[in-house]
mmCIF file of all heavy atoms, coordinates in Angstrom:
data_MODEL
# 
_entry.id   MODEL 
# 
loop_
_atom_site.group_PDB 
_atom_site.id 
_atom_site.type_symbol 
_atom_site.label_atom_id 
_atom_site.label_alt_id 
_atom_site.label_comp_id 
_atom_site.label_asym_id 
_atom_site.label_entity_id 
_atom_site.label_seq_id 
_atom_site.pdbx_PDB_ins_code 
_atom_site.Cartn_x 
_atom_site.Cartn_y 
_atom_site.Cartn_z 
_atom_site.occupancy 
_atom_site.B_iso_or_equiv 
_atom_site.pdbx_formal_charge 
_atom_site.auth_seq_id 
_atom_site.auth_comp_id 
_atom_site.auth_asym_id 
_atom_site.auth_atom_id 
_atom_site.pdbx_PDB_model_num 
ATOM 1   N N   . SER A 1 1  ? 57.348 -133.398 -200.228 1.00 0.00 ? 1  SER A N   1 
ATOM 2   C CA  . SER A 1 1  ? 56.346 -133.261 -199.172 1.00 0.00 ? 1  SER A CA  1 
ATOM 3   C C   . SER A 1 1  ? 54.932 -133.329 -199.744 1.00 0.00 ? 1  SER A C   1 
ATOM 4   O O   . SER A 1 1  ? 54.036 -133.945 -199.157 1.00 0.00 ? 1  SER A O   1 
ATOM 5   C CB  . SER A 1 1  ? 56.554 -131.948 -198.427 1.00 0.00 ? 1  SER A CB  1 
ATOM 6   O OG  . SER A 1 1  ? 55.576 -131.772 -197.437 1.00 0.00 ? 1  SER A OG  1 
ATOM 7   N N   . ASP A 1 2  ? 54.729 -132.706 -200.917 1.00 0.00 ? 2  ASP A N   1 
ATOM 8   C CA  . ASP A 1 2  ? 53.416 -132.767 -201.575 1.00 0.00 ? 2  ASP A CA  1 
ATOM 9   C C   . ASP A 1 2  ? 53.079 -134.201 -201.971 1.00 0.00 ? 2  ASP A C   1 
ATOM 10  O O   . ASP A 1 2  ? 51.939 -134.640 -201.829 1.00 0.00 ? 2  ASP A O   1 
ATOM 11  C CB  . ASP A 1 2  ? 53.410 -131.878 -202.822 1.00 0.00 ? 2  ASP A CB  1 
ATOM 12  C CG  . ASP A 1 2  ? 53.463 -130.399 -202.453 1.00 0.00 ? 2  ASP A CG  1 
ATOM 13  O OD1 . ASP A 1 2  ? 53.111 -130.067 -201.293 1.00 0.00 ? 2  ASP A OD1 1 
ATOM 14  O OD2 . ASP A 1 2  ? 53.855 -129.605 -203.327 1.00 0.00 ? 2  ASP A OD2 1 
ATOM 15  N N   . TYR A 1 3  ? 54.076 -134.896 -202.473 1.00 0.00 ? 3  TYR A N   1 
ATOM 16  C CA  . TYR A 1 3  ? 53.857 -136.291 -202.866 1.00 0.00 ? 3  TYR A CA  1 
ATOM 17  C C   . TYR A 1 3  ? 53.484 -137.150 -201.665 1.00 0.00 ? 3  TYR A C   1 
ATOM 18  O O   . TYR A 1 3  ? 52.610 -138.011 -201.739 1.00 0.00 ? 3  TYR A O   1 
ATOM 19  C CB  . TYR A 1 3  ? 55.113 -136.864 -203.538 1.00 0.00 ? 3  TYR A CB  1 
ATOM 20  C CG  . TYR A 1 3  ? 55.406 -136.288 -204.895 1.00 0.00 ? 3  TYR A CG  1 
ATOM 21  C CD1 . TYR A 1 3  ? 56.721 -136.118 -205.327 1.00 0.00 ? 3  TYR A CD1 1 
ATOM 22  C CD2 . TYR A 1 3  ? 54.368 -135.885 -205.739 1.00 0.00 ? 3  TYR A CD2 1 
ATOM 23  C CE1 . TYR A 1 3  ? 57.007 -135.579 -206.565 1.00 0.00 ? 3  TYR A CE1 1 
ATOM 24  C CE2 . TYR A 1 3  ? 54.643 -135.350 -206.986 1.00 0.00 ? 3  TYR A CE2 1 
ATOM 25  C CZ  . TYR A 1 3  ? 55.968 -135.195 -207.395 1.00 0.00 ? 3  TYR A CZ  1 
ATOM 26  O OH  . TYR A 1 3  ? 56.234 -134.666 -208.623 1.00 0.00 ? 3  TYR A OH  1 
ATOM 27  N N   . VAL A 1 4  ? 54.167 -136.920 -200.558 1.00 0.00 ? 4  VAL A N   1 
ATOM 28  C CA  . VAL A 1 4  ? 53.887 -137.676 -199.333 1.00 0.00 ? 4  VAL A CA  1 
ATOM 29  C C   . VAL A 1 4  ? 52.471 -137.414 -198.860 1.00 0.00 ? 4  VAL A C   1 
ATOM 30  O O   . VAL A 1 4  ? 51.723 -138.334 -198.508 1.00 0.00 ? 4  VAL A O   1 
ATOM 31  C CB  . VAL A 1 4  ? 54.908 -137.324 -198.225 1.00 0.00 ? 4  VAL A CB  1 
ATOM 32  C CG1 . VAL A 1 4  ? 54.463 -137.931 -196.884 1.00 0.00 ? 4  VAL A CG1 1 
ATOM 33  C CG2 . VAL A 1 4  ? 56.291 -137.837 -198.601 1.00 0.00 ? 4  VAL A CG2 1 
ATOM 34  N N   . ARG A 1 5  ? 52.066 -136.109 -198.847 1.00 0.00 ? 5  ARG A N   1 
ATOM 35  C CA  . ARG A 1 5  ? 50.713 -135.766 -198.412 1.00 0.00 ? 5  ARG A CA  1 
ATOM 36  C C   . ARG A 1 5  ? 49.665 -136.380 -199.343 1.00 0.00 ? 5  ARG A C   1 
ATOM 37  O O   . ARG A 1 5  ? 48.628 -136.880 -198.893 1.00 0.00 ? 5  ARG A O   1 
ATOM 38  C CB  . ARG A 1 5  ? 50.549 -134.245 -198.353 1.00 0.00 ? 5  ARG A CB  1 
ATOM 39  C CG  . ARG A 1 5  ? 51.211 -133.595 -197.147 1.00 0.00 ? 5  ARG A CG  1 
ATOM 40  C CD  . ARG A 1 5  ? 50.695 -132.179 -196.943 1.00 0.00 ? 5  ARG A CD  1 
ATOM 41  N NE  . ARG A 1 5  ? 51.071 -131.311 -198.052 1.00 0.00 ? 5  ARG A NE  1 
ATOM 42  C CZ  . ARG A 1 5  ? 52.180 -130.593 -198.094 1.00 0.00 ? 5  ARG A CZ  1 
ATOM 43  N NH1 . ARG A 1 5  ? 53.040 -130.649 -197.083 1.00 0.00 ? 5  ARG A NH1 1 
ATOM 44  N NH2 . ARG A 1 5  ? 52.450 -129.826 -199.136 1.00 0.00 ? 5  ARG A NH2 1 
ATOM 45  N N   . ALA A 1 6  ? 49.937 -136.353 -200.647 1.00 0.00 ? 6  ALA A N   1 
ATOM 46  C CA  . ALA A 1 6  ? 48.999 -136.942 -201.617 1.00 0.00 ? 6  ALA A CA  1 
ATOM 47  C C   . ALA A 1 6  ? 48.882 -138.447 -201.408 1.00 0.00 ? 6  ALA A C   1 
ATOM 48  O O   . ALA A 1 6  ? 47.793 -139.014 -201.470 1.00 0.00 ? 6  ALA A O   1 
ATOM 49  C CB  . ALA A 1 6  ? 49.461 -136.639 -203.043 1.00 0.00 ? 6  ALA A CB  1 
ATOM 50  N N   . TYR A 1 7  ? 50.013 -139.076 -201.141 1.00 0.00 ? 7  TYR A N   1 
ATOM 51  C CA  . TYR A 1 7  ? 50.009 -140.520 -200.916 1.00 0.00 ? 7  TYR A CA  1 
ATOM 52  C C   . TYR A 1 7  ? 49.222 -140.869 -199.652 1.00 0.00 ? 7  TYR A C   1 
ATOM 53  O O   . TYR A 1 7  ? 48.446 -141.834 -199.633 1.00 0.00 ? 7  TYR A O   1 
ATOM 54  C CB  . TYR A 1 7  ? 51.445 -141.034 -200.797 1.00 0.00 ? 7  TYR A CB  1 
ATOM 55  C CG  . TYR A 1 7  ? 51.517 -142.505 -200.447 1.00 0.00 ? 7  TYR A CG  1 
ATOM 56  C CD1 . TYR A 1 7  ? 51.322 -143.487 -201.429 1.00 0.00 ? 7  TYR A CD1 1 
ATOM 57  C CD2 . TYR A 1 7  ? 51.758 -142.918 -199.140 1.00 0.00 ? 7  TYR A CD2 1 
ATOM 58  C CE1 . TYR A 1 7  ? 51.366 -144.832 -201.102 1.00 0.00 ? 7  TYR A CE1 1 
ATOM 59  C CE2 . TYR A 1 7  ? 51.799 -144.254 -198.813 1.00 0.00 ? 7  TYR A CE2 1 
ATOM 60  C CZ  . TYR A 1 7  ? 51.607 -145.211 -199.803 1.00 0.00 ? 7  TYR A CZ  1 
ATOM 61  O OH  . TYR A 1 7  ? 51.653 -146.540 -199.477 1.00 0.00 ? 7  TYR A OH  1 
ATOM 62  N N   . VAL A 1 8  ? 49.436 -140.071 -198.613 1.00 0.00 ? 8  VAL A N   1 
ATOM 63  C CA  . VAL A 1 8  ? 48.724 -140.311 -197.350 1.00 0.00 ? 8  VAL A CA  1 
ATOM 64  C C   . VAL A 1 8  ? 47.224 -140.168 -197.562 1.00 0.00 ? 8  VAL A C   1 
ATOM 65  O O   . VAL A 1 8  ? 46.422 -140.965 -197.064 1.00 0.00 ? 8  VAL A O   1 
ATOM 66  C CB  . VAL A 1 8  ? 49.218 -139.349 -196.249 1.00 0.00 ? 8  VAL A CB  1 
ATOM 67  C CG1 . VAL A 1 8  ? 48.315 -139.437 -195.026 1.00 0.00 ? 8  VAL A CG1 1 
ATOM 68  C CG2 . VAL A 1 8  ? 50.661 -139.680 -195.871 1.00 0.00 ? 8  VAL A CG2 1 
ATOM 69  N N   . ARG A 1 9  ? 46.831 -139.108 -198.316 1.00 0.00 ? 9  ARG A N   1 
ATOM 70  C CA  . ARG A 1 9  ? 45.403 -138.925 -198.591 1.00 0.00 ? 9  ARG A CA  1 
ATOM 71  C C   . ARG A 1 9  ? 44.844 -140.121 -199.357 1.00 0.00 ? 9  ARG A C   1 
ATOM 72  O O   . ARG A 1 9  ? 43.764 -140.630 -199.055 1.00 0.00 ? 9  ARG A O   1 
ATOM 73  C CB  . ARG A 1 9  ? 45.187 -137.643 -199.412 1.00 0.00 ? 9  ARG A CB  1 
ATOM 74  C CG  . ARG A 1 9  ? 45.442 -136.360 -198.655 1.00 0.00 ? 9  ARG A CG  1 
ATOM 75  C CD  . ARG A 1 9  ? 44.858 -135.175 -199.403 1.00 0.00 ? 9  ARG A CD  1 
ATOM 76  N NE  . ARG A 1 9  ? 45.463 -133.927 -198.963 1.00 0.00 ? 9  ARG A NE  1 
ATOM 77  C CZ  . ARG A 1 9  ? 46.430 -133.294 -199.594 1.00 0.00 ? 9  ARG A CZ  1 
ATOM 78  N NH1 . ARG A 1 9  ? 46.919 -133.811 -200.714 1.00 0.00 ? 9  ARG A NH1 1 
ATOM 79  N NH2 . ARG A 1 9  ? 46.911 -132.157 -199.131 1.00 0.00 ? 9  ARG A NH2 1 
ATOM 80  N N   . PHE A 1 10 ? 45.567 -140.538 -200.399 1.00 0.00 ? 10 PHE A N   1 
ATOM 81  C CA  . PHE A 1 10 ? 45.117 -141.666 -201.214 1.00 0.00 ? 10 PHE A CA  1 
ATOM 82  C C   . PHE A 1 10 ? 45.002 -142.939 -200.375 1.00 0.00 ? 10 PHE A C   1 
ATOM 83  O O   . PHE A 1 10 ? 44.020 -143.689 -200.471 1.00 0.00 ? 10 PHE A O   1 
ATOM 84  C CB  . PHE A 1 10 ? 46.083 -141.900 -202.378 1.00 0.00 ? 10 PHE A CB  1 
ATOM 85  C CG  . PHE A 1 10 ? 45.765 -143.128 -203.191 1.00 0.00 ? 10 PHE A CG  1 
ATOM 86  C CD1 . PHE A 1 10 ? 44.750 -143.109 -204.135 1.00 0.00 ? 10 PHE A CD1 1 
ATOM 87  C CD2 . PHE A 1 10 ? 46.461 -144.316 -202.984 1.00 0.00 ? 10 PHE A CD2 1 
ATOM 88  C CE1 . PHE A 1 10 ? 44.446 -144.240 -204.873 1.00 0.00 ? 10 PHE A CE1 1 
ATOM 89  C CE2 . PHE A 1 10 ? 46.168 -145.446 -203.708 1.00 0.00 ? 10 PHE A CE2 1 
ATOM 90  C CZ  . PHE A 1 10 ? 45.161 -145.415 -204.660 1.00 0.00 ? 10 PHE A CZ  1 
ATOM 91  N N   . ASP A 1 11 ? 46.020 -143.170 -199.537 1.00 0.00 ? 11 ASP A N   1 
ATOM 92  C CA  . ASP A 1 11 ? 46.012 -144.376 -198.706 1.00 0.00 ? 11 ASP A CA  1 
ATOM 93  C C   . ASP A 1 11 ? 44.851 -144.338 -197.728 1.00 0.00 ? 11 ASP A C   1 
ATOM 94  O O   . ASP A 1 11 ? 44.206 -145.355 -197.463 1.00 0.00 ? 11 ASP A O   1 
ATOM 95  C CB  . ASP A 1 11 ? 47.346 -144.478 -197.953 1.00 0.00 ? 11 ASP A CB  1 
ATOM 96  C CG  . ASP A 1 11 ? 47.454 -145.777 -197.166 1.00 0.00 ? 11 ASP A CG  1 
ATOM 97  O OD1 . ASP A 1 11 ? 47.472 -146.854 -197.802 1.00 0.00 ? 11 ASP A OD1 1 
ATOM 98  O OD2 . ASP A 1 11 ? 47.507 -145.711 -195.922 1.00 0.00 ? 11 ASP A OD2 1 
ATOM 99  N N   . THR A 1 12 ? 44.580 -143.149 -197.170 1.00 0.00 ? 12 THR A N   1 
ATOM 100 C CA  . THR A 1 12 ? 43.457 -143.016 -196.228 1.00 0.00 ? 12 THR A CA  1 
ATOM 101 C C   . THR A 1 12 ? 42.126 -143.282 -196.923 1.00 0.00 ? 12 THR A C   1 
ATOM 102 O O   . THR A 1 12 ? 41.266 -144.007 -196.400 1.00 0.00 ? 12 THR A O   1 
ATOM 103 C CB  . THR A 1 12 ? 43.450 -141.600 -195.619 1.00 0.00 ? 12 THR A CB  1 
ATOM 104 O OG1 . THR A 1 12 ? 44.702 -141.363 -194.974 1.00 0.00 ? 12 THR A OG1 1 
ATOM 105 C CG2 . THR A 1 12 ? 42.309 -141.466 -194.606 1.00 0.00 ? 12 THR A CG2 1 
ATOM 106 N N   . ILE A 1 13 ? 41.961 -142.670 -198.110 1.00 0.00 ? 13 ILE A N   1 
ATOM 107 C CA  . ILE A 1 13 ? 40.722 -142.884 -198.871 1.00 0.00 ? 13 ILE A CA  1 
ATOM 108 C C   . ILE A 1 13 ? 40.552 -144.347 -199.238 1.00 0.00 ? 13 ILE A C   1 
ATOM 109 O O   . ILE A 1 13 ? 39.462 -144.916 -199.128 1.00 0.00 ? 13 ILE A O   1 
ATOM 110 C CB  . ILE A 1 13 ? 40.714 -142.003 -200.140 1.00 0.00 ? 13 ILE A CB  1 
ATOM 111 C CG1 . ILE A 1 13 ? 40.654 -140.521 -199.749 1.00 0.00 ? 13 ILE A CG1 1 
ATOM 112 C CG2 . ILE A 1 13 ? 39.527 -142.364 -201.048 1.00 0.00 ? 13 ILE A CG2 1 
ATOM 113 C CD1 . ILE A 1 13 ? 40.845 -139.580 -200.926 1.00 0.00 ? 13 ILE A CD1 1 
ATOM 114 N N   . TYR A 1 14 ? 41.627 -144.988 -199.674 1.00 0.00 ? 14 TYR A N   1 
ATOM 115 C CA  . TYR A 1 14 ? 41.569 -146.404 -200.059 1.00 0.00 ? 14 TYR A CA  1 
ATOM 116 C C   . TYR A 1 14 ? 41.199 -147.277 -198.862 1.00 0.00 ? 14 TYR A C   1 
ATOM 117 O O   . TYR A 1 14 ? 40.391 -148.200 -198.976 1.00 0.00 ? 14 TYR A O   1 
ATOM 118 C CB  . TYR A 1 14 ? 42.922 -146.843 -200.628 1.00 0.00 ? 14 TYR A CB  1 
ATOM 119 C CG  . TYR A 1 14 ? 42.976 -148.306 -201.000 1.00 0.00 ? 14 TYR A CG  1 
ATOM 120 C CD1 . TYR A 1 14 ? 42.391 -148.767 -202.178 1.00 0.00 ? 14 TYR A CD1 1 
ATOM 121 C CD2 . TYR A 1 14 ? 43.590 -149.225 -200.151 1.00 0.00 ? 14 TYR A CD2 1 
ATOM 122 C CE1 . TYR A 1 14 ? 42.428 -150.106 -202.512 1.00 0.00 ? 14 TYR A CE1 1 
ATOM 123 C CE2 . TYR A 1 14 ? 43.633 -150.567 -200.471 1.00 0.00 ? 14 TYR A CE2 1 
ATOM 124 C CZ  . TYR A 1 14 ? 43.056 -151.007 -201.658 1.00 0.00 ? 14 TYR A CZ  1 
ATOM 125 O OH  . TYR A 1 14 ? 43.086 -152.334 -201.975 1.00 0.00 ? 14 TYR A OH  1 
ATOM 126 N N   . THR A 1 15 ? 41.802 -146.950 -197.695 1.00 0.00 ? 15 THR A N   1 
ATOM 127 C CA  . THR A 1 15 ? 41.503 -147.722 -196.484 1.00 0.00 ? 15 THR A CA  1 
ATOM 128 C C   . THR A 1 15 ? 40.043 -147.583 -196.092 1.00 0.00 ? 15 THR A C   1 
ATOM 129 O O   . THR A 1 15 ? 39.371 -148.568 -195.748 1.00 0.00 ? 15 THR A O   1 
ATOM 130 C CB  . THR A 1 15 ? 42.405 -147.253 -195.330 1.00 0.00 ? 15 THR A CB  1 
ATOM 131 O OG1 . THR A 1 15 ? 43.770 -147.407 -195.710 1.00 0.00 ? 15 THR A OG1 1 
ATOM 132 C CG2 . THR A 1 15 ? 42.125 -148.069 -194.069 1.00 0.00 ? 15 THR A CG2 1 
ATOM 133 N N   . ILE A 1 16 ? 39.536 -146.335 -196.145 1.00 0.00 ? 16 ILE A N   1 
ATOM 134 C CA  . ILE A 1 16 ? 38.125 -146.094 -195.809 1.00 0.00 ? 16 ILE A CA  1 
ATOM 135 C C   . ILE A 1 16 ? 37.218 -146.839 -196.783 1.00 0.00 ? 16 ILE A C   1 
ATOM 136 O O   . ILE A 1 16 ? 36.236 -147.479 -196.383 1.00 0.00 ? 16 ILE A O   1 
ATOM 137 C CB  . ILE A 1 16 ? 37.810 -144.584 -195.824 1.00 0.00 ? 16 ILE A CB  1 
ATOM 138 C CG1 . ILE A 1 16 ? 38.576 -143.883 -194.694 1.00 0.00 ? 16 ILE A CG1 1 
ATOM 139 C CG2 . ILE A 1 16 ? 36.306 -144.340 -195.700 1.00 0.00 ? 16 ILE A CG2 1 
ATOM 140 C CD1 . ILE A 1 16 ? 38.461 -142.368 -194.741 1.00 0.00 ? 16 ILE A CD1 1 
ATOM 141 N N   . HIS A 1 17 ? 37.560 -146.762 -198.085 1.00 0.00 ? 17 HIS A N   1 
ATOM 142 C CA  . HIS A 1 17 ? 36.757 -147.440 -199.113 1.00 0.00 ? 17 HIS A CA  1 
ATOM 143 C C   . HIS A 1 17 ? 36.737 -148.946 -198.888 1.00 0.00 ? 17 HIS A C   1 
ATOM 144 O O   . HIS A 1 17 ? 35.685 -149.589 -198.971 1.00 0.00 ? 17 HIS A O   1 
ATOM 145 C CB  . HIS A 1 17 ? 37.330 -147.109 -200.490 1.00 0.00 ? 17 HIS A CB  1 
ATOM 146 C CG  . HIS A 1 17 ? 36.621 -147.814 -201.615 1.00 0.00 ? 17 HIS A CG  1 
ATOM 147 N ND1 . HIS A 1 17 ? 35.348 -147.492 -202.020 1.00 0.00 ? 17 HIS A ND1 1 
ATOM 148 C CD2 . HIS A 1 17 ? 37.016 -148.846 -202.409 1.00 0.00 ? 17 HIS A CD2 1 
ATOM 149 C CE1 . HIS A 1 17 ? 34.984 -148.268 -203.012 1.00 0.00 ? 17 HIS A CE1 1 
ATOM 150 N NE2 . HIS A 1 17 ? 35.984 -149.101 -203.268 1.00 0.00 ? 17 HIS A NE2 1 
ATOM 151 N N   . THR A 1 18 ? 37.915 -149.512 -198.583 1.00 0.00 ? 18 THR A N   1 
ATOM 152 C CA  . THR A 1 18 ? 38.007 -150.955 -198.335 1.00 0.00 ? 18 THR A CA  1 
ATOM 153 C C   . THR A 1 18 ? 37.195 -151.355 -197.120 1.00 0.00 ? 18 THR A C   1 
ATOM 154 O O   . THR A 1 18 ? 36.457 -152.340 -197.137 1.00 0.00 ? 18 THR A O   1 
ATOM 155 C CB  . THR A 1 18 ? 39.475 -151.373 -198.143 1.00 0.00 ? 18 THR A CB  1 
ATOM 156 O OG1 . THR A 1 18 ? 40.230 -151.003 -199.296 1.00 0.00 ? 18 THR A OG1 1 
ATOM 157 C CG2 . THR A 1 18 ? 39.580 -152.875 -197.922 1.00 0.00 ? 18 THR A CG2 1 
ATOM 158 N N   . ASN A 1 19 ? 37.314 -150.572 -196.038 1.00 0.00 ? 19 ASN A N   1 
ATOM 159 C CA  . ASN A 1 19 ? 36.561 -150.877 -194.816 1.00 0.00 ? 19 ASN A CA  1 
ATOM 160 C C   . ASN A 1 19 ? 35.060 -150.765 -195.049 1.00 0.00 ? 19 ASN A C   1 
ATOM 161 O O   . ASN A 1 19 ? 34.284 -151.577 -194.525 1.00 0.00 ? 19 ASN A O   1 
ATOM 162 C CB  . ASN A 1 19 ? 36.978 -149.938 -193.686 1.00 0.00 ? 19 ASN A CB  1 
ATOM 163 C CG  . ASN A 1 19 ? 38.407 -150.199 -193.208 1.00 0.00 ? 19 ASN A CG  1 
ATOM 164 O OD1 . ASN A 1 19 ? 38.916 -151.310 -193.380 1.00 0.00 ? 19 ASN A OD1 1 
ATOM 165 N ND2 . ASN A 1 19 ? 39.042 -149.201 -192.614 1.00 0.00 ? 19 ASN A ND2 1 
ATOM 166 N N   . MET A 1 20 ? 34.647 -149.755 -195.828 1.00 0.00 ? 20 MET A N   1 
ATOM 167 C CA  . MET A 1 20 ? 33.222 -149.590 -196.126 1.00 0.00 ? 20 MET A CA  1 
ATOM 168 C C   . MET A 1 20 ? 32.703 -150.783 -196.931 1.00 0.00 ? 20 MET A C   1 
ATOM 169 O O   . MET A 1 20 ? 31.592 -151.277 -196.691 1.00 0.00 ? 20 MET A O   1 
ATOM 170 C CB  . MET A 1 20 ? 32.993 -148.293 -196.896 1.00 0.00 ? 20 MET A CB  1 
ATOM 171 C CG  . MET A 1 20 ? 33.100 -147.039 -196.041 1.00 0.00 ? 20 MET A CG  1 
ATOM 172 S SD  . MET A 1 20 ? 31.853 -146.984 -194.725 1.00 0.00 ? 20 MET A SD  1 
ATOM 173 C CE  . MET A 1 20 ? 30.350 -146.901 -195.696 1.00 0.00 ? 20 MET A CE  1 
ATOM 174 N N   . ASN A 1 21 ? 33.509 -151.244 -197.895 1.00 0.00 ? 21 ASN A N   1 
ATOM 175 C CA  . ASN A 1 21 ? 33.102 -152.411 -198.684 1.00 0.00 ? 21 ASN A CA  1 
ATOM 176 C C   . ASN A 1 21 ? 32.947 -153.633 -197.795 1.00 0.00 ? 21 ASN A C   1 
ATOM 177 O O   . ASN A 1 21 ? 32.002 -154.417 -197.946 1.00 0.00 ? 21 ASN A O   1 
ATOM 178 C CB  . ASN A 1 21 ? 34.129 -152.700 -199.783 1.00 0.00 ? 21 ASN A CB  1 
ATOM 179 C CG  . ASN A 1 21 ? 33.982 -151.752 -200.956 1.00 0.00 ? 21 ASN A CG  1 
ATOM 180 O OD1 . ASN A 1 21 ? 32.930 -151.148 -201.141 1.00 0.00 ? 21 ASN A OD1 1 
ATOM 181 N ND2 . ASN A 1 21 ? 35.031 -151.620 -201.748 1.00 0.00 ? 21 ASN A ND2 1 
ATOM 182 N N   . GLU A 1 22 ? 33.885 -153.813 -196.863 1.00 0.00 ? 22 GLU A N   1 
ATOM 183 C CA  . GLU A 1 22 ? 33.806 -154.955 -195.951 1.00 0.00 ? 22 GLU A CA  1 
ATOM 184 C C   . GLU A 1 22 ? 32.578 -154.852 -195.060 1.00 0.00 ? 22 GLU A C   1 
ATOM 185 O O   . GLU A 1 22 ? 31.888 -155.840 -194.819 1.00 0.00 ? 22 GLU A O   1 
ATOM 186 C CB  . GLU A 1 22 ? 35.075 -155.031 -195.102 1.00 0.00 ? 22 GLU A CB  1 
ATOM 187 C CG  . GLU A 1 22 ? 36.326 -155.404 -195.900 1.00 0.00 ? 22 GLU A CG  1 
ATOM 188 C CD  . GLU A 1 22 ? 37.571 -155.403 -195.037 1.00 0.00 ? 22 GLU A CD  1 
ATOM 189 O OE1 . GLU A 1 22 ? 37.465 -154.992 -193.856 1.00 0.00 ? 22 GLU A OE1 1 
ATOM 190 O OE2 . GLU A 1 22 ? 38.635 -155.800 -195.545 1.00 0.00 ? 22 GLU A OE2 1 
ATOM 191 N N   . ILE A 1 23 ? 32.306 -153.627 -194.575 1.00 0.00 ? 23 ILE A N   1 
ATOM 192 C CA  . ILE A 1 23 ? 31.132 -153.430 -193.712 1.00 0.00 ? 23 ILE A CA  1 
ATOM 193 C C   . ILE A 1 23 ? 29.849 -153.690 -194.489 1.00 0.00 ? 23 ILE A C   1 
ATOM 194 O O   . ILE A 1 23 ? 28.926 -154.361 -194.001 1.00 0.00 ? 23 ILE A O   1 
ATOM 195 C CB  . ILE A 1 23 ? 31.133 -151.997 -193.135 1.00 0.00 ? 23 ILE A CB  1 
ATOM 196 C CG1 . ILE A 1 23 ? 32.292 -151.832 -192.152 1.00 0.00 ? 23 ILE A CG1 1 
ATOM 197 C CG2 . ILE A 1 23 ? 29.802 -151.691 -192.443 1.00 0.00 ? 23 ILE A CG2 1 
ATOM 198 C CD1 . ILE A 1 23 ? 32.488 -150.403 -191.692 1.00 0.00 ? 23 ILE A CD1 1 
ATOM 199 N N   . MET A 1 24 ? 29.781 -153.149 -195.727 1.00 0.00 ? 24 MET A N   1 
ATOM 200 C CA  . MET A 1 24 ? 28.588 -153.339 -196.547 1.00 0.00 ? 24 MET A CA  1 
ATOM 201 C C   . MET A 1 24 ? 28.394 -154.801 -196.907 1.00 0.00 ? 24 MET A C   1 
ATOM 202 O O   . MET A 1 24 ? 27.263 -155.308 -196.897 1.00 0.00 ? 24 MET A O   1 
ATOM 203 C CB  . MET A 1 24 ? 28.683 -152.482 -197.814 1.00 0.00 ? 24 MET A CB  1 
ATOM 204 C CG  . MET A 1 24 ? 28.569 -150.990 -197.561 1.00 0.00 ? 24 MET A CG  1 
ATOM 205 S SD  . MET A 1 24 ? 28.731 -150.008 -199.065 1.00 0.00 ? 24 MET A SD  1 
ATOM 206 C CE  . MET A 1 24 ? 27.236 -150.508 -199.931 1.00 0.00 ? 24 MET A CE  1 
ATOM 207 N N   . SER A 1 25 ? 29.502 -155.501 -197.213 1.00 0.00 ? 25 SER A N   1 
ATOM 208 C CA  . SER A 1 25 ? 29.409 -156.928 -197.537 1.00 0.00 ? 25 SER A CA  1 
ATOM 209 C C   . SER A 1 25 ? 28.912 -157.712 -196.343 1.00 0.00 ? 25 SER A C   1 
ATOM 210 O O   . SER A 1 25 ? 28.034 -158.570 -196.459 1.00 0.00 ? 25 SER A O   1 
ATOM 211 C CB  . SER A 1 25 ? 30.773 -157.456 -197.995 1.00 0.00 ? 25 SER A CB  1 
ATOM 212 O OG  . SER A 1 25 ? 31.206 -156.801 -199.157 1.00 0.00 ? 25 SER A OG  1 
# 
C-alpha cells in the first residue's frame, strides 16, 4: 500500500511537471 501511494504521488508530480513544461514551452 505504501508503494502504491508513493507511486501515485510520483506519477502525479511527474504529470504536473510535464504539463507545466508544456505550458511554459
